[in-house]
């Protein structure tokens, strides 16, 4: 009886959604960390060099874990680790080149983190093509799309706030009053 119940629970749509989310959780976490890091950077106005370095290493581990089941033996696993170590090491070197004093002077401070995120997005997308993994390609694409979205939002944030205040004020002005005649103001 309990076997039948557990089989019905496993076949339910809720468990299939939960299973899908459980499989996609590492990718969702890395994407959330990337977007929240850049959002924090825009608020704090400080480059998140260490944070993006950590995120690069976390993405490298995610790539290795994604490809690990396909590695048949110890030699293939060592080749896998070496391949990703070289790939992500090159991404970290490119990020650090952007942080050299002479190069950093060419960019405004808020743009530095956006450039570093774009390098991370490029490395992630290329790693997804190399594995091949559709999830990692999408992760890189989503990181790359976050860069112009954040820059665009920064430029138009004041406009959005003013538009919201205008719409609220317009709504309060035009909203019909629910007061009866005894509560209505009179001109005397």
C-alpha atoms as a PDB file:
ATOM      1  CA  UNK A   1       0.000   0.000   0.000  1.00  0.00           C
ATOM      2  CA  UNK A   2       2.747   2.447   0.899  1.00  0.00           C
ATOM      3  CA  UNK A   3       4.546   1.499  -2.322  1.00  0.00           C
ATOM      4  CA  UNK A   4       1.479   2.471  -4.344  1.00  0.00           C
ATOM      5  CA  UNK A   5       1.175   5.761  -2.458  1.00  0.00           C
ATOM      6  CA  UNK A   6       4.836   6.652  -2.997  1.00  0.00           C
ATOM      7  CA  UNK A   7       4.538   5.766  -6.696  1.00  0.00           C
ATOM      8  CA  UNK A   8       1.489   8.040  -7.031  1.00  0.00           C
ATOM      9  CA  UNK A   9       3.368  10.874  -5.273  1.00  0.00           C
ATOM     10  CA  UNK A  10       6.325  10.377  -7.618  1.00  0.00           C
ATOM     11  CA  UNK A  11       4.041  10.609 -10.652  1.00  0.00           C
ATOM     12  CA  UNK A  12       2.241  13.738  -9.451  1.00  0.00           C
ATOM     13  CA  UNK A  13       2.878  16.992 -11.323  1.00  0.00           C
ATOM     14  CA  UNK A  14       4.003  18.673  -8.086  1.00  0.00           C
ATOM     15  CA  UNK A  15       6.833  16.188  -7.585  1.00  0.00           C
ATOM     16  CA  UNK A  16       7.962  16.512 -11.212  1.00  0.00           C
ATOM     17  CA  UNK A  17       8.186  20.305 -10.808  1.00  0.00           C
ATOM     18  CA  UNK A  18      10.017  19.852  -7.527  1.00  0.00           C
ATOM     19  CA  UNK A  19      12.384  17.357  -9.139  1.00  0.00           C
ATOM     20  CA  UNK A  20      13.035  19.749 -12.037  1.00  0.00           C
ATOM     21  CA  UNK A  21      13.757  22.632  -9.648  1.00  0.00           C
ATOM     22  CA  UNK A  22      16.024  20.396  -7.587  1.00  0.00           C
ATOM     23  CA  UNK A  23      18.066  19.511 -10.692  1.00  0.00           C
ATOM     24  CA  UNK A  24      18.268  23.161 -11.779  1.00  0.00           C
ATOM     25  CA  UNK A  25      19.016  24.551  -8.299  1.00  0.00           C
ATOM     26  CA  UNK A  26      22.815  24.946  -8.737  1.00  0.00           C
ATOM     27  CA  UNK A  27      22.310  26.963 -11.936  1.00  0.00           C
ATOM     28  CA  UNK A  28      19.620  29.107 -10.317  1.00  0.00           C
ATOM     29  CA  UNK A  29      21.857  29.783  -7.309  1.00  0.00           C
ATOM     30  CA  UNK A  30      24.809  30.874  -9.478  1.00  0.00           C
ATOM     31  CA  UNK A  31      22.558  33.135 -11.538  1.00  0.00           C
ATOM     32  CA  UNK A  32      21.021  34.653  -8.395  1.00  0.00           C
ATOM     33  CA  UNK A  33      24.490  35.229  -6.931  1.00  0.00           C
ATOM     34  CA  UNK A  34      25.650  36.959 -10.132  1.00  0.00           C
ATOM     35  CA  UNK A  35      22.644  39.253 -10.419  1.00  0.00           C
ATOM     36  CA  UNK A  36      22.543  40.084  -6.701  1.00  0.00           C
ATOM     37  CA  UNK A  37      26.274  40.832  -6.715  1.00  0.00           C
ATOM     38  CA  UNK A  38      25.966  43.290  -9.570  1.00  0.00           C
ATOM     39  CA  UNK A  39      22.871  44.861  -8.002  1.00  0.00           C
ATOM     40  CA  UNK A  40      24.802  45.301  -4.739  1.00  0.00           C
ATOM     41  CA  UNK A  41      27.687  46.803  -6.705  1.00  0.00           C
ATOM     42  CA  UNK A  42      25.371  49.406  -8.211  1.00  0.00           C
ATOM     43  CA  UNK A  43      24.074  50.345  -4.765  1.00  0.00           C
ATOM     44  CA  UNK A  44      27.434  50.406  -2.968  1.00  0.00           C
ATOM     45  CA  UNK A  45      29.428  51.974  -5.852  1.00  0.00           C
ATOM     46  CA  UNK A  46      32.404  49.732  -5.055  1.00  0.00           C
ATOM     47  CA  UNK A  47      33.802  47.076  -7.382  1.00  0.00           C
ATOM     48  CA  UNK A  48      33.174  43.562  -6.141  1.00  0.00           C
ATOM     49  CA  UNK A  49      36.448  42.076  -7.268  1.00  0.00           C
ATOM     50  CA  UNK A  50      36.654  39.362  -4.616  1.00  0.00           C
ATOM     51  CA  UNK A  51      32.993  38.486  -4.997  1.00  0.00           C
ATOM     52  CA  UNK A  52      33.267  38.042  -8.760  1.00  0.00           C
ATOM     53  CA  UNK A  53      36.422  35.969  -8.254  1.00  0.00           C
ATOM     54  CA  UNK A  54      34.486  33.716  -5.870  1.00  0.00           C
ATOM     55  CA  UNK A  55      31.626  33.545  -8.366  1.00  0.00           C
ATOM     56  CA  UNK A  56      34.098  32.539 -11.090  1.00  0.00           C
ATOM     57  CA  UNK A  57      35.372  29.673  -8.944  1.00  0.00           C
ATOM     58  CA  UNK A  58      31.798  28.640  -8.070  1.00  0.00           C
ATOM     59  CA  UNK A  59      30.917  28.573 -11.775  1.00  0.00           C
ATOM     60  CA  UNK A  60      34.043  26.506 -12.486  1.00  0.00           C
ATOM     61  CA  UNK A  61      32.997  23.970  -9.847  1.00  0.00           C
ATOM     62  CA  UNK A  62      29.498  23.904 -11.337  1.00  0.00           C
ATOM     63  CA  UNK A  63      30.963  23.142 -14.774  1.00  0.00           C
ATOM     64  CA  UNK A  64      33.102  20.310 -13.401  1.00  0.00           C
ATOM     65  CA  UNK A  65      30.176  18.834 -11.474  1.00  0.00           C
ATOM     66  CA  UNK A  66      27.978  19.057 -14.573  1.00  0.00           C
ATOM     67  CA  UNK A  67      30.469  17.150 -16.715  1.00  0.00           C
ATOM     68  CA  UNK A  68      31.708  14.742 -14.012  1.00  0.00           C
ATOM     69  CA  UNK A  69      29.251  11.877 -14.728  1.00  0.00           C
ATOM     70  CA  UNK A  70      30.439  11.675 -18.347  1.00  0.00           C
ATOM     71  CA  UNK A  71      34.070  11.176 -17.264  1.00  0.00           C
ATOM     72  CA  UNK A  72      34.588   7.424 -17.465  1.00  0.00           C
ATOM     73  CA  UNK A  73      37.813   6.889 -15.542  1.00  0.00           C
ATOM     74  CA  UNK A  74      40.382   8.684 -13.393  1.00  0.00           C
ATOM     75  CA  UNK A  75      42.360   9.881 -16.400  1.00  0.00           C
ATOM     76  CA  UNK A  76      39.270  11.452 -17.981  1.00  0.00           C
ATOM     77  CA  UNK A  77      38.426  13.133 -14.673  1.00  0.00           C
ATOM     78  CA  UNK A  78      41.931  14.584 -14.373  1.00  0.00           C
ATOM     79  CA  UNK A  79      41.706  15.844 -17.959  1.00  0.00           C
ATOM     80  CA  UNK A  80      38.318  17.381 -17.110  1.00  0.00           C
ATOM     81  CA  UNK A  81      39.694  19.151 -14.039  1.00  0.00           C
ATOM     82  CA  UNK A  82      42.770  20.377 -15.940  1.00  0.00           C
ATOM     83  CA  UNK A  83      40.658  21.626 -18.856  1.00  0.00           C
ATOM     84  CA  UNK A  84      38.381  23.638 -16.579  1.00  0.00           C
ATOM     85  CA  UNK A  85      41.258  24.863 -14.426  1.00  0.00           C
ATOM     86  CA  UNK A  86      42.937  26.293 -17.523  1.00  0.00           C
ATOM     87  CA  UNK A  87      39.688  27.751 -18.881  1.00  0.00           C
ATOM     88  CA  UNK A  88      38.654  29.437 -15.646  1.00  0.00           C
ATOM     89  CA  UNK A  89      42.233  30.436 -14.885  1.00  0.00           C
ATOM     90  CA  UNK A  90      42.252  32.330 -18.193  1.00  0.00           C
ATOM     91  CA  UNK A  91      38.981  34.027 -17.219  1.00  0.00           C
ATOM     92  CA  UNK A  92      40.470  35.059 -13.864  1.00  0.00           C
ATOM     93  CA  UNK A  93      43.605  36.383 -15.590  1.00  0.00           C
ATOM     94  CA  UNK A  94      41.454  38.448 -17.975  1.00  0.00           C
ATOM     95  CA  UNK A  95      39.494  39.813 -14.998  1.00  0.00           C
ATOM     96  CA  UNK A  96      42.705  40.744 -13.208  1.00  0.00           C
ATOM     97  CA  UNK A  97      44.087  42.471 -16.313  1.00  0.00           C
ATOM     98  CA  UNK A  98      41.020  44.724 -16.187  1.00  0.00           C
ATOM     99  CA  UNK A  99      41.961  45.593 -12.602  1.00  0.00           C
ATOM    100  CA  UNK A 100      45.503  46.775 -13.354  1.00  0.00           C
ATOM    101  CA  UNK A 101      45.961  50.391 -12.386  1.00  0.00           C
ATOM    102  CA  UNK A 102      46.515  51.658 -15.942  1.00  0.00           C
ATOM    103  CA  UNK A 103      43.510  49.794 -17.331  1.00  0.00           C
ATOM    104  CA  UNK A 104      41.231  50.609 -14.400  1.00  0.00           C
ATOM    105  CA  UNK A 105      41.788  54.335 -14.945  1.00  0.00           C
ATOM    106  CA  UNK A 106      40.186  54.050 -18.376  1.00  0.00           C
ATOM    107  CA  UNK A 107      36.842  52.929 -16.922  1.00  0.00           C
ATOM    108  CA  UNK A 108      34.599  54.614 -14.381  1.00  0.00           C
ATOM    109  CA  UNK A 109      34.317  52.706 -11.112  1.00  0.00           C
ATOM    110  CA  UNK A 110      30.755  51.351 -11.622  1.00  0.00           C
ATOM    111  CA  UNK A 111      31.639  50.101 -15.112  1.00  0.00           C
ATOM    112  CA  UNK A 112      34.484  47.950 -13.794  1.00  0.00           C
ATOM    113  CA  UNK A 113      32.160  45.415 -12.183  1.00  0.00           C
ATOM    114  CA  UNK A 114      29.966  45.324 -15.275  1.00  0.00           C
ATOM    115  CA  UNK A 115      33.018  44.538 -17.423  1.00  0.00           C
ATOM    116  CA  UNK A 116      34.072  41.818 -14.976  1.00  0.00           C
ATOM    117  CA  UNK A 117      30.568  40.326 -15.078  1.00  0.00           C
ATOM    118  CA  UNK A 118      30.656  40.389 -18.871  1.00  0.00           C
ATOM    119  CA  UNK A 119      33.973  38.489 -18.822  1.00  0.00           C
ATOM    120  CA  UNK A 120      32.433  35.967 -16.418  1.00  0.00           C
ATOM    121  CA  UNK A 121      29.388  35.662 -18.693  1.00  0.00           C
ATOM    122  CA  UNK A 122      31.594  35.079 -21.723  1.00  0.00           C
ATOM    123  CA  UNK A 123      33.616  32.439 -19.884  1.00  0.00           C
ATOM    124  CA  UNK A 124      30.440  30.734 -18.689  1.00  0.00           C
ATOM    125  CA  UNK A 125      28.877  30.707 -22.146  1.00  0.00           C
ATOM    126  CA  UNK A 126      32.051  29.314 -23.732  1.00  0.00           C
ATOM    127  CA  UNK A 127      32.310  26.655 -21.028  1.00  0.00           C
ATOM    128  CA  UNK A 128      28.711  25.679 -21.752  1.00  0.00           C
ATOM    129  CA  UNK A 129      29.538  25.303 -25.441  1.00  0.00           C
ATOM    130  CA  UNK A 130      32.633  23.258 -24.601  1.00  0.00           C
ATOM    131  CA  UNK A 131      30.885  20.820 -22.229  1.00  0.00           C
ATOM    132  CA  UNK A 132      28.123  20.966 -24.029  1.00  0.00           C
ATOM    133  CA  UNK A 133      25.499  22.025 -21.502  1.00  0.00           C
ATOM    134  CA  UNK A 134      22.426  24.012 -22.387  1.00  0.00           C
ATOM    135  CA  UNK A 135      21.978  25.114 -18.760  1.00  0.00           C
ATOM    136  CA  UNK A 136      25.473  26.588 -18.533  1.00  0.00           C
ATOM    137  CA  UNK A 137      25.079  28.291 -21.929  1.00  0.00           C
ATOM    138  CA  UNK A 138      21.830  29.823 -20.693  1.00  0.00           C
ATOM    139  CA  UNK A 139      23.537  30.871 -17.450  1.00  0.00           C
ATOM    140  CA  UNK A 140      26.223  32.698 -19.434  1.00  0.00           C
ATOM    141  CA  UNK A 141      23.632  34.290 -21.690  1.00  0.00           C
ATOM    142  CA  UNK A 142      21.559  35.429 -18.706  1.00  0.00           C
ATOM    143  CA  UNK A 143      24.650  36.960 -17.078  1.00  0.00           C
ATOM    144  CA  UNK A 144      25.498  38.738 -20.327  1.00  0.00           C
ATOM    145  CA  UNK A 145      21.961  40.098 -20.645  1.00  0.00           C
ATOM    146  CA  UNK A 146      22.078  41.288 -17.027  1.00  0.00           C
ATOM    147  CA  UNK A 147      24.872  43.742 -17.879  1.00  0.00           C
ATOM    148  CA  UNK A 148      22.907  45.977 -20.299  1.00  0.00           C
ATOM    149  CA  UNK A 149      19.742  45.505 -18.246  1.00  0.00           C
ATOM    150  CA  UNK A 150      21.467  46.823 -15.123  1.00  0.00           C
ATOM    151  CA  UNK A 151      23.056  49.712 -17.026  1.00  0.00           C
ATOM    152  CA  UNK A 152      19.673  50.560 -18.599  1.00  0.00           C
ATOM    153  CA  UNK A 153      17.878  50.338 -15.261  1.00  0.00           C
ATOM    154  CA  UNK A 154      20.468  52.648 -13.691  1.00  0.00           C
ATOM    155  CA  UNK A 155      19.823  55.284 -16.336  1.00  0.00           C
ATOM    156  CA  UNK A 156      16.050  55.101 -16.142  1.00  0.00           C
ATOM    157  CA  UNK A 157      15.509  54.427 -12.411  1.00  0.00           C
ATOM    158  CA  UNK A 158      14.689  58.066 -11.652  1.00  0.00           C
ATOM    159  CA  UNK A 159      12.280  58.155 -14.588  1.00  0.00           C
ATOM    160  CA  UNK A 160      10.508  55.034 -13.269  1.00  0.00           C
ATOM    161  CA  UNK A 161      10.189  56.548  -9.790  1.00  0.00           C
ATOM    162  CA  UNK A 162       8.806  59.816 -11.164  1.00  0.00           C
ATOM    163  CA  UNK A 163       6.374  57.971 -13.443  1.00  0.00           C
ATOM    164  CA  UNK A 164       5.152  55.858 -10.502  1.00  0.00           C
ATOM    165  CA  UNK A 165       4.650  58.951  -8.328  1.00  0.00           C
ATOM    166  CA  UNK A 166       2.779  60.650 -11.191  1.00  0.00           C
ATOM    167  CA  UNK A 167       0.510  57.641 -11.732  1.00  0.00           C
ATOM    168  CA  UNK A 168      -0.235  57.337  -7.997  1.00  0.00           C
ATOM    169  CA  UNK A 169      -1.017  61.047  -7.784  1.00  0.00           C
ATOM    170  CA  UNK A 170      -3.203  60.858 -10.878  1.00  0.00           C
ATOM    171  CA  UNK A 171      -5.004  57.854  -9.464  1.00  0.00           C
ATOM    172  CA  UNK A 172      -5.624  59.576  -6.139  1.00  0.00           C
ATOM    173  CA  UNK A 173      -6.928  62.665  -7.925  1.00  0.00           C
ATOM    174  CA  UNK A 174      -9.285  60.868 -10.290  1.00  0.00           C
ATOM    175  CA  UNK A 175     -10.398  58.055  -7.970  1.00  0.00           C
ATOM    176  CA  UNK A 176     -14.087  58.524  -7.162  1.00  0.00           C
ATOM    177  CA  UNK A 177     -14.745  59.429  -3.564  1.00  0.00           C
ATOM    178  CA  UNK A 178     -16.962  57.030  -1.602  1.00  0.00           C
ATOM    179  CA  UNK A 179     -18.166  59.604   0.888  1.00  0.00           C
ATOM    180  CA  UNK A 180     -21.832  60.399   1.343  1.00  0.00           C
ATOM    181  CA  UNK A 181     -23.333  63.872   1.250  1.00  0.00           C
ATOM    182  CA  UNK A 182     -22.868  64.347   4.991  1.00  0.00           C
ATOM    183  CA  UNK A 183     -19.134  63.764   4.762  1.00  0.00           C
ATOM    184  CA  UNK A 184     -18.611  65.894   1.667  1.00  0.00           C
ATOM    185  CA  UNK A 185     -17.000  69.300   2.114  1.00  0.00           C
ATOM    186  CA  UNK A 186     -19.286  72.260   1.498  1.00  0.00           C
ATOM    187  CA  UNK A 187     -18.575  75.750   0.327  1.00  0.00           C
ATOM    188  CA  UNK A 188     -20.180  78.247   2.639  1.00  0.00           C
END
